[in-house]
Amino acid sequence: NNHIIHVGISEKLYFGFKKINKIQIAVKEKAF
């Protein structure tokens, strides 16, 4: 019942995240 979506982005826009407990997570501003 779970769904994972990985959307594609260009290399120059691949930023704004940090690793927390083995998982890379966007900061809230980049998620916005």
Full PDB file with SEQRES, HELIX, SHEET, SSBOND, CRYST1, ORIGX, SCALE, CONECT and MASTER records, all heavy atoms in Angstrom:
SEQRES   1 A   32  ASN ASN HIS ILE ILE HIS VAL GLY ILE SER GLU LYS LEU          
SEQRES   2 A   32  TYR PHE GLY PHE LYS LYS ILE ASN LYS ILE GLN ILE ALA          
SEQRES   3 A   32  VAL LYS GLU LYS ALA PHE                                      
HELIX    1 AA1 GLU A   11  LEU A   13  5                                   3    
HELIX    2 AA2 LYS A   28  ALA A   31  1                                   4    
SHEET    1 AA1 2 PHE A  17  ILE A  20  0                                        
SHEET    2 AA1 2 ILE A  23  ALA A  26 -1                                        
CRYST1    1.000    1.000    1.000  90.00  90.00  90.00 P 1           1          
ORIGX1      1.000000  0.000000  0.000000        0.00000                         
ORIGX2      0.000000  1.000000  0.000000        0.00000                         
ORIGX3      0.000000  0.000000  1.000000        0.00000                         
SCALE1      1.000000  0.000000  0.000000        0.00000                         
SCALE2      0.000000  1.000000  0.000000        0.00000                         
SCALE3      0.000000  0.000000  1.000000        0.00000                         
ATOM      1  N   ASN A   1       0.808  -1.217   0.000  1.00  0.00           N  
ATOM      2  CA  ASN A   1       0.000   0.000   0.000  1.00  0.00           C  
ATOM      3  C   ASN A   1       0.842   1.268   0.000  1.00  0.00           C  
ATOM      4  O   ASN A   1       0.298   2.375   0.090  1.00  0.00           O  
ATOM      5  CB  ASN A   1      -0.927   0.020   1.225  1.00  0.00           C  
ATOM      6  CG  ASN A   1      -1.972  -1.078   1.178  1.00  0.00           C  
ATOM      7  OD1 ASN A   1      -2.475  -1.416   0.105  1.00  0.00           O  
ATOM      8  ND2 ASN A   1      -2.297  -1.648   2.335  1.00  0.00           N  
ATOM      9  N   ASN A   2       2.145   1.118  -0.070  1.00  0.00           N  
ATOM     10  CA  ASN A   2       3.055   2.256  -0.031  1.00  0.00           C  
ATOM     11  C   ASN A   2       3.485   2.658  -1.441  1.00  0.00           C  
ATOM     12  O   ASN A   2       3.584   1.822  -2.337  1.00  0.00           O  
ATOM     13  CB  ASN A   2       4.291   1.916   0.806  1.00  0.00           C  
ATOM     14  CG  ASN A   2       3.938   1.588   2.236  1.00  0.00           C  
ATOM     15  OD1 ASN A   2       3.622   2.460   3.030  1.00  0.00           O  
ATOM     16  ND2 ASN A   2       3.986   0.308   2.577  1.00  0.00           N  
ATOM     17  N   HIS A   3       3.744   3.944  -1.583  1.00  0.00           N  
ATOM     18  CA  HIS A   3       4.111   4.472  -2.891  1.00  0.00           C  
ATOM     19  C   HIS A   3       5.301   5.414  -2.738  1.00  0.00           C  
ATOM     20  O   HIS A   3       5.286   6.317  -1.888  1.00  0.00           O  
ATOM     21  CB  HIS A   3       2.925   5.214  -3.497  1.00  0.00           C  
ATOM     22  CG  HIS A   3       3.026   5.417  -4.970  1.00  0.00           C  
ATOM     23  ND1 HIS A   3       3.271   4.390  -5.861  1.00  0.00           N  
ATOM     24  CD2 HIS A   3       2.920   6.541  -5.723  1.00  0.00           C  
ATOM     25  CE1 HIS A   3       3.312   4.873  -7.089  1.00  0.00           C  
ATOM     26  NE2 HIS A   3       3.108   6.176  -7.032  1.00  0.00           N  
ATOM     27  N   ILE A   4       6.316   5.205  -3.552  1.00  0.00           N  
ATOM     28  CA  ILE A   4       7.508   6.062  -3.562  1.00  0.00           C  
ATOM     29  C   ILE A   4       7.641   6.680  -4.942  1.00  0.00           C  
ATOM     30  O   ILE A   4       7.610   5.979  -5.953  1.00  0.00           O  
ATOM     31  CB  ILE A   4       8.775   5.264  -3.207  1.00  0.00           C  
ATOM     32  CG1 ILE A   4       8.693   4.746  -1.770  1.00  0.00           C  
ATOM     33  CG2 ILE A   4      10.030   6.122  -3.390  1.00  0.00           C  
ATOM     34  CD1 ILE A   4       9.829   3.820  -1.384  1.00  0.00           C  
ATOM     35  N   ILE A   5       7.780   8.001  -4.968  1.00  0.00           N  
ATOM     36  CA  ILE A   5       7.950   8.723  -6.223  1.00  0.00           C  
ATOM     37  C   ILE A   5       9.285   9.454  -6.188  1.00  0.00           C  
ATOM     38  O   ILE A   5       9.547  10.235  -5.276  1.00  0.00           O  
ATOM     39  CB  ILE A   5       6.814   9.745  -6.439  1.00  0.00           C  
ATOM     40  CG1 ILE A   5       5.454   9.050  -6.426  1.00  0.00           C  
ATOM     41  CG2 ILE A   5       7.017  10.502  -7.747  1.00  0.00           C  
ATOM     42  CD1 ILE A   5       4.277  10.008  -6.433  1.00  0.00           C  
ATOM     43  N   HIS A   6      10.130   9.185  -7.164  1.00  0.00           N  
ATOM     44  CA  HIS A   6      11.393   9.895  -7.323  1.00  0.00           C  
ATOM     45  C   HIS A   6      11.294  10.763  -8.572  1.00  0.00           C  
ATOM     46  O   HIS A   6      11.288  10.245  -9.687  1.00  0.00           O  
ATOM     47  CB  HIS A   6      12.557   8.915  -7.474  1.00  0.00           C  
ATOM     48  CG  HIS A   6      12.909   8.208  -6.208  1.00  0.00           C  
ATOM     49  ND1 HIS A   6      13.789   7.144  -6.172  1.00  0.00           N  
ATOM     50  CD2 HIS A   6      12.515   8.411  -4.928  1.00  0.00           C  
ATOM     51  CE1 HIS A   6      13.917   6.729  -4.921  1.00  0.00           C  
ATOM     52  NE2 HIS A   6      13.157   7.483  -4.155  1.00  0.00           N  
ATOM     53  N   VAL A   7      11.169  12.061  -8.371  1.00  0.00           N  
ATOM     54  CA  VAL A   7      11.090  12.955  -9.524  1.00  0.00           C  
ATOM     55  C   VAL A   7      12.497  13.358  -9.946  1.00  0.00           C  
ATOM     56  O   VAL A   7      13.422  13.388  -9.133  1.00  0.00           O  
ATOM     57  CB  VAL A   7      10.239  14.206  -9.224  1.00  0.00           C  
ATOM     58  CG1 VAL A   7       8.821  13.808  -8.828  1.00  0.00           C  
ATOM     59  CG2 VAL A   7      10.871  15.058  -8.131  1.00  0.00           C  
ATOM     60  N   GLY A   8      12.656  13.661 -11.225  1.00  0.00           N  
ATOM     61  CA  GLY A   8      13.964  14.004 -11.760  1.00  0.00           C  
ATOM     62  C   GLY A   8      14.193  15.507 -11.790  1.00  0.00           C  
ATOM     63  O   GLY A   8      13.282  16.294 -12.040  1.00  0.00           O  
ATOM     64  N   ILE A   9      15.429  15.885 -11.503  1.00  0.00           N  
ATOM     65  CA  ILE A   9      15.805  17.292 -11.507  1.00  0.00           C  
ATOM     66  C   ILE A   9      17.191  17.422 -12.114  1.00  0.00           C  
ATOM     67  O   ILE A   9      17.951  16.450 -12.173  1.00  0.00           O  
ATOM     68  CB  ILE A   9      15.766  17.851 -10.063  1.00  0.00           C  
ATOM     69  CG1 ILE A   9      15.542  19.371 -10.056  1.00  0.00           C  
ATOM     70  CG2 ILE A   9      17.028  17.489  -9.297  1.00  0.00           C  
ATOM     71  CD1 ILE A   9      15.186  19.920  -8.696  1.00  0.00           C  
ATOM     72  N   SER A  10      17.517  18.600 -12.593  1.00  0.00           N  
ATOM     73  CA  SER A  10      18.836  18.805 -13.199  1.00  0.00           C  
ATOM     74  C   SER A  10      19.921  18.855 -12.124  1.00  0.00           C  
ATOM     75  O   SER A  10      19.652  19.143 -10.953  1.00  0.00           O  
ATOM     76  CB  SER A  10      18.855  20.103 -14.014  1.00  0.00           C  
ATOM     77  OG  SER A  10      18.693  21.223 -13.172  1.00  0.00           O  
ATOM     78  N   GLU A  11      21.131  18.591 -12.532  1.00  0.00           N  
ATOM     79  CA  GLU A  11      22.248  18.543 -11.587  1.00  0.00           C  
ATOM     80  C   GLU A  11      22.450  19.871 -10.864  1.00  0.00           C  
ATOM     81  O   GLU A  11      22.793  19.901  -9.674  1.00  0.00           O  
ATOM     82  CB  GLU A  11      23.534  18.140 -12.323  1.00  0.00           C  
ATOM     83  CG  GLU A  11      24.709  17.874 -11.409  1.00  0.00           C  
ATOM     84  CD  GLU A  11      25.896  17.284 -12.141  1.00  0.00           C  
ATOM     85  OE1 GLU A  11      25.756  16.939 -13.329  1.00  0.00           O  
ATOM     86  OE2 GLU A  11      26.970  17.169 -11.507  1.00  0.00           O  
ATOM     87  N   LYS A  12      22.225  20.993 -11.550  1.00  0.00           N  
ATOM     88  CA  LYS A  12      22.463  22.306 -10.931  1.00  0.00           C  
ATOM     89  C   LYS A  12      21.431  22.629  -9.843  1.00  0.00           C  
ATOM     90  O   LYS A  12      21.662  23.521  -9.019  1.00  0.00           O  
ATOM     91  CB  LYS A  12      22.466  23.405 -11.984  1.00  0.00           C  
ATOM     92  CG  LYS A  12      21.141  23.632 -12.678  1.00  0.00           C  
ATOM     93  CD  LYS A  12      21.259  24.744 -13.711  1.00  0.00           C  
ATOM     94  CE  LYS A  12      19.935  24.980 -14.442  1.00  0.00           C  
ATOM     95  NZ  LYS A  12      20.051  26.049 -15.459  1.00  0.00           N  
ATOM     96  N   LEU A  13      20.301  21.901  -9.844  1.00  0.00           N  
ATOM     97  CA  LEU A  13      19.280  22.126  -8.820  1.00  0.00           C  
ATOM     98  C   LEU A  13      19.305  21.063  -7.730  1.00  0.00           C  
ATOM     99  O   LEU A  13      18.426  21.018  -6.871  1.00  0.00           O  
ATOM    100  CB  LEU A  13      17.890  22.173  -9.465  1.00  0.00           C  
ATOM    101  CG  LEU A  13      17.673  23.284 -10.497  1.00  0.00           C  
ATOM    102  CD1 LEU A  13      16.251  23.236 -11.045  1.00  0.00           C  
ATOM    103  CD2 LEU A  13      17.967  24.661  -9.894  1.00  0.00           C  
ATOM    104  N   TYR A  14      20.330  20.241  -7.771  1.00  0.00           N  
ATOM    105  CA  TYR A  14      20.494  19.175  -6.787  1.00  0.00           C  
ATOM    106  C   TYR A  14      21.298  19.731  -5.602  1.00  0.00           C  
ATOM    107  O   TYR A  14      22.528  19.652  -5.549  1.00  0.00           O  
ATOM    108  CB  TYR A  14      21.209  17.990  -7.444  1.00  0.00           C  
ATOM    109  CG  TYR A  14      21.466  16.801  -6.545  1.00  0.00           C  
ATOM    110  CD1 TYR A  14      20.438  15.936  -6.189  1.00  0.00           C  
ATOM    111  CD2 TYR A  14      22.751  16.526  -6.075  1.00  0.00           C  
ATOM    112  CE1 TYR A  14      20.687  14.840  -5.380  1.00  0.00           C  
ATOM    113  CE2 TYR A  14      23.012  15.427  -5.273  1.00  0.00           C  
ATOM    114  CZ  TYR A  14      21.976  14.593  -4.930  1.00  0.00           C  
ATOM    115  OH  TYR A  14      22.220  13.498  -4.125  1.00  0.00           O  
ATOM    116  N   PHE A  15      20.596  20.339  -4.669  1.00  0.00           N  
ATOM    117  CA  PHE A  15      21.242  20.948  -3.500  1.00  0.00           C  
ATOM    118  C   PHE A  15      20.166  21.165  -2.435  1.00  0.00           C  
ATOM    119  O   PHE A  15      18.986  20.871  -2.627  1.00  0.00           O  
ATOM    120  CB  PHE A  15      21.889  22.283  -3.878  1.00  0.00           C  
ATOM    121  CG  PHE A  15      20.909  23.349  -4.285  1.00  0.00           C  
ATOM    122  CD1 PHE A  15      20.340  24.202  -3.351  1.00  0.00           C  
ATOM    123  CD2 PHE A  15      20.536  23.495  -5.619  1.00  0.00           C  
ATOM    124  CE1 PHE A  15      19.420  25.172  -3.730  1.00  0.00           C  
ATOM    125  CE2 PHE A  15      19.628  24.463  -6.009  1.00  0.00           C  
ATOM    126  CZ  PHE A  15      19.058  25.303  -5.058  1.00  0.00           C  
ATOM    127  N   GLY A  16      20.588  21.702  -1.289  1.00  0.00           N  
ATOM    128  CA  GLY A  16      19.633  22.084  -0.258  1.00  0.00           C  
ATOM    129  C   GLY A  16      19.116  20.944   0.593  1.00  0.00           C  
ATOM    130  O   GLY A  16      17.955  20.954   1.002  1.00  0.00           O  
ATOM    131  N   PHE A  17      19.960  19.984   0.910  1.00  0.00           N  
ATOM    132  CA  PHE A  17      19.539  18.866   1.755  1.00  0.00           C  
ATOM    133  C   PHE A  17      20.666  18.470   2.695  1.00  0.00           C  
ATOM    134  O   PHE A  17      21.822  18.853   2.504  1.00  0.00           O  
ATOM    135  CB  PHE A  17      19.124  17.659   0.905  1.00  0.00           C  
ATOM    136  CG  PHE A  17      20.174  17.202  -0.068  1.00  0.00           C  
ATOM    137  CD1 PHE A  17      21.147  16.287   0.298  1.00  0.00           C  
ATOM    138  CD2 PHE A  17      20.208  17.699  -1.367  1.00  0.00           C  
ATOM    139  CE1 PHE A  17      22.122  15.862  -0.589  1.00  0.00           C  
ATOM    140  CE2 PHE A  17      21.180  17.292  -2.266  1.00  0.00           C  
ATOM    141  CZ  PHE A  17      22.130  16.379  -1.887  1.00  0.00           C  
ATOM    142  N   LYS A  18      20.321  17.724   3.725  1.00  0.00           N  
ATOM    143  CA  LYS A  18      21.320  17.237   4.677  1.00  0.00           C  
ATOM    144  C   LYS A  18      20.981  15.802   5.055  1.00  0.00           C  
ATOM    145  O   LYS A  18      19.835  15.345   4.876  1.00  0.00           O  
ATOM    146  CB  LYS A  18      21.348  18.125   5.920  1.00  0.00           C  
ATOM    147  CG  LYS A  18      20.003  18.331   6.578  1.00  0.00           C  
ATOM    148  CD  LYS A  18      20.086  19.384   7.674  1.00  0.00           C  
ATOM    149  CE  LYS A  18      18.704  19.683   8.259  1.00  0.00           C  
ATOM    150  NZ  LYS A  18      18.767  20.733   9.302  1.00  0.00           N  
ATOM    151  N   LYS A  19      21.953  15.092   5.569  1.00  0.00           N  
ATOM    152  CA  LYS A  19      21.734  13.690   5.936  1.00  0.00           C  
ATOM    153  C   LYS A  19      21.386  13.593   7.414  1.00  0.00           C  
ATOM    154  O   LYS A  19      22.116  14.089   8.274  1.00  0.00           O  
ATOM    155  CB  LYS A  19      22.966  12.846   5.616  1.00  0.00           C  
ATOM    156  CG  LYS A  19      22.778  11.365   5.915  1.00  0.00           C  
ATOM    157  CD  LYS A  19      23.879  10.508   5.313  1.00  0.00           C  
ATOM    158  CE  LYS A  19      23.682  10.305   3.827  1.00  0.00           C  
ATOM    159  NZ  LYS A  19      24.602   9.287   3.257  1.00  0.00           N  
ATOM    160  N   ILE A  20      20.251  12.956   7.701  1.00  0.00           N  
ATOM    161  CA  ILE A  20      19.794  12.748   9.067  1.00  0.00           C  
ATOM    162  C   ILE A  20      19.448  11.271   9.227  1.00  0.00           C  
ATOM    163  O   ILE A  20      18.566  10.756   8.541  1.00  0.00           O  
ATOM    164  CB  ILE A  20      18.550  13.606   9.381  1.00  0.00           C  
ATOM    165  CG1 ILE A  20      18.853  15.093   9.153  1.00  0.00           C  
ATOM    166  CG2 ILE A  20      18.083  13.369  10.811  1.00  0.00           C  
ATOM    167  CD1 ILE A  20      17.631  15.995   9.296  1.00  0.00           C  
ATOM    168  N   ASN A  21      20.155  10.607  10.131  1.00  0.00           N  
ATOM    169  CA  ASN A  21      19.914   9.169  10.376  1.00  0.00           C  
ATOM    170  C   ASN A  21      19.923   8.357   9.084  1.00  0.00           C  
ATOM    171  O   ASN A  21      18.979   7.609   8.789  1.00  0.00           O  
ATOM    172  CB  ASN A  21      18.592   8.967  11.114  1.00  0.00           C  
ATOM    173  CG  ASN A  21      18.590   9.571  12.502  1.00  0.00           C  
ATOM    174  OD1 ASN A  21      19.628   9.605  13.180  1.00  0.00           O  
ATOM    175  ND2 ASN A  21      17.446  10.070  12.937  1.00  0.00           N  
ATOM    176  N   LYS A  22      20.957   8.541   8.287  1.00  0.00           N  
ATOM    177  CA  LYS A  22      21.198   7.789   7.052  1.00  0.00           C  
ATOM    178  C   LYS A  22      20.296   8.209   5.886  1.00  0.00           C  
ATOM    179  O   LYS A  22      20.345   7.596   4.821  1.00  0.00           O  
ATOM    180  CB  LYS A  22      21.036   6.273   7.276  1.00  0.00           C  
ATOM    181  CG  LYS A  22      21.919   5.679   8.360  1.00  0.00           C  
ATOM    182  CD  LYS A  22      21.633   4.194   8.516  1.00  0.00           C  
ATOM    183  CE  LYS A  22      22.453   3.577   9.644  1.00  0.00           C  
ATOM    184  NZ  LYS A  22      22.146   2.133   9.806  1.00  0.00           N  
ATOM    185  N   ILE A  23      19.482   9.247   6.094  1.00  0.00           N  
ATOM    186  CA  ILE A  23      18.529   9.649   5.058  1.00  0.00           C  
ATOM    187  C   ILE A  23      18.793  11.092   4.646  1.00  0.00           C  
ATOM    188  O   ILE A  23      18.901  11.977   5.502  1.00  0.00           O  
ATOM    189  CB  ILE A  23      17.085   9.515   5.569  1.00  0.00           C  
ATOM    190  CG1 ILE A  23      16.812   8.087   6.062  1.00  0.00           C  
ATOM    191  CG2 ILE A  23      16.090   9.884   4.467  1.00  0.00           C  
ATOM    192  CD1 ILE A  23      15.523   7.950   6.841  1.00  0.00           C  
ATOM    193  N   GLN A  24      18.903  11.331   3.347  1.00  0.00           N  
ATOM    194  CA  GLN A  24      19.087  12.685   2.844  1.00  0.00           C  
ATOM    195  C   GLN A  24      17.724  13.376   2.774  1.00  0.00           C  
ATOM    196  O   GLN A  24      16.805  12.885   2.116  1.00  0.00           O  
ATOM    197  CB  GLN A  24      19.763  12.665   1.468  1.00  0.00           C  
ATOM    198  CG  GLN A  24      21.179  12.135   1.526  1.00  0.00           C  
ATOM    199  CD  GLN A  24      21.931  12.254   0.219  1.00  0.00           C  
ATOM    200  OE1 GLN A  24      23.157  12.317   0.214  1.00  0.00           O  
ATOM    201  NE2 GLN A  24      21.231  12.300  -0.900  1.00  0.00           N  
ATOM    202  N   ILE A  25      17.618  14.512   3.473  1.00  0.00           N  
ATOM    203  CA  ILE A  25      16.343  15.216   3.595  1.00  0.00           C  
ATOM    204  C   ILE A  25      16.542  16.687   3.267  1.00  0.00           C  
ATOM    205  O   ILE A  25      17.473  17.325   3.755  1.00  0.00           O  
ATOM    206  CB  ILE A  25      15.768  15.064   5.017  1.00  0.00           C  
ATOM    207  CG1 ILE A  25      15.552  13.579   5.345  1.00  0.00           C  
ATOM    208  CG2 ILE A  25      14.472  15.841   5.162  1.00  0.00           C  
ATOM    209  CD1 ILE A  25      15.075  13.325   6.754  1.00  0.00           C  
ATOM    210  N   ALA A  26      15.662  17.220   2.445  1.00  0.00           N  
ATOM    211  CA  ALA A  26      15.741  18.630   2.072  1.00  0.00           C  
ATOM    212  C   ALA A  26      15.488  19.519   3.291  1.00  0.00           C  
ATOM    213  O   ALA A  26      14.692  19.179   4.170  1.00  0.00           O  
ATOM    214  CB  ALA A  26      14.712  18.953   0.984  1.00  0.00           C  
ATOM    215  N   VAL A  27      16.178  20.660   3.339  1.00  0.00           N  
ATOM    216  CA  VAL A  27      15.803  21.667   4.330  1.00  0.00           C  
ATOM    217  C   VAL A  27      14.449  22.214   3.896  1.00  0.00           C  
ATOM    218  O   VAL A  27      14.065  22.116   2.725  1.00  0.00           O  
ATOM    219  CB  VAL A  27      16.852  22.786   4.421  1.00  0.00           C  
ATOM    220  CG1 VAL A  27      18.206  22.217   4.845  1.00  0.00           C  
ATOM    221  CG2 VAL A  27      16.988  23.539   3.108  1.00  0.00           C  
ATOM    222  N   LYS A  28      13.708  22.779   4.813  1.00  0.00           N  
ATOM    223  CA  LYS A  28      12.325  23.164   4.509  1.00  0.00           C  
ATOM    224  C   LYS A  28      12.236  24.199   3.388  1.00  0.00           C  
ATOM    225  O   LYS A  28      11.279  24.189   2.602  1.00  0.00           O  
ATOM    226  CB  LYS A  28      11.609  23.654   5.760  1.00  0.00           C  
ATOM    227  CG  LYS A  28      12.216  24.854   6.456  1.00  0.00           C  
ATOM    228  CD  LYS A  28      11.438  25.169   7.730  1.00  0.00           C  
ATOM    229  CE  LYS A  28      11.933  26.420   8.433  1.00  0.00           C  
ATOM    230  NZ  LYS A  28      13.313  26.250   8.960  1.00  0.00           N  
ATOM    231  N   GLU A  29      13.238  25.062   3.279  1.00  0.00           N  
ATOM    232  CA  GLU A  29      13.223  26.070   2.214  1.00  0.00           C  
ATOM    233  C   GLU A  29      13.380  25.430   0.839  1.00  0.00           C  
ATOM    234  O   GLU A  29      12.739  25.839  -0.124  1.00  0.00           O  
ATOM    235  CB  GLU A  29      14.322  27.118   2.454  1.00  0.00           C  
ATOM    236  CG  GLU A  29      14.079  28.047   3.622  1.00  0.00           C  
ATOM    237  CD  GLU A  29      14.328  27.403   4.979  1.00  0.00           C  
ATOM    238  OE1 GLU A  29      14.994  26.328   5.016  1.00  0.00           O  
ATOM    239  OE2 GLU A  29      13.873  27.948   5.997  1.00  0.00           O  
ATOM    240  N   LYS A  30      14.230  24.393   0.741  1.00  0.00           N  
ATOM    241  CA  LYS A  30      14.393  23.709  -0.549  1.00  0.00           C  
ATOM    242  C   LYS A  30      13.156  22.866  -0.856  1.00  0.00           C  
ATOM    243  O   LYS A  30      12.731  22.769  -2.021  1.00  0.00           O  
ATOM    244  CB  LYS A  30      15.643  22.825  -0.522  1.00  0.00           C  
ATOM    245  CG  LYS A  30      15.960  22.161  -1.871  1.00  0.00           C  
ATOM    246  CD  LYS A  30      16.095  23.180  -2.996  1.00  0.00           C  
ATOM    247  CE  LYS A  30      16.789  22.638  -4.227  1.00  0.00           C  
ATOM    248  NZ  LYS A  30      16.142  21.501  -4.856  1.00  0.00           N  
ATOM    249  N   ALA A  31      12.558  22.265   0.168  1.00  0.00           N  
ATOM    250  CA  ALA A  31      11.329  21.507  -0.047  1.00  0.00           C  
ATOM    251  C   ALA A  31      10.225  22.430  -0.561  1.00  0.00           C  
ATOM    252  O   ALA A  31       9.433  22.053  -1.431  1.00  0.00           O  
ATOM    253  CB  ALA A  31      10.894  20.838   1.255  1.00  0.00           C  
ATOM    254  N   PHE A  32      10.180  23.640  -0.039  1.00  0.00           N  
ATOM    255  CA  PHE A  32       9.210  24.636  -0.498  1.00  0.00           C  
ATOM    256  C   PHE A  32       9.458  24.996  -1.959  1.00  0.00           C  
ATOM    257  O   PHE A  32       8.534  25.004  -2.782  1.00  0.00           O  
ATOM    258  CB  PHE A  32       9.316  25.878   0.384  1.00  0.00           C  
ATOM    259  CG  PHE A  32       8.562  27.069  -0.127  1.00  0.00           C  
ATOM    260  CD1 PHE A  32       7.183  27.154   0.000  1.00  0.00           C  
ATOM    261  CD2 PHE A  32       9.238  28.123  -0.737  1.00  0.00           C  
ATOM    262  CE1 PHE A  32       6.490  28.261  -0.480  1.00  0.00           C  
ATOM    263  CE2 PHE A  32       8.556  29.224  -1.222  1.00  0.00           C  
ATOM    264  CZ  PHE A  32       7.170  29.293  -1.091  1.00  0.00           C  
TER     265      PHE A  32                                                      
MASTER        0    0    0    2    2    0    0    6  264    1    0    3          
END                                                                             
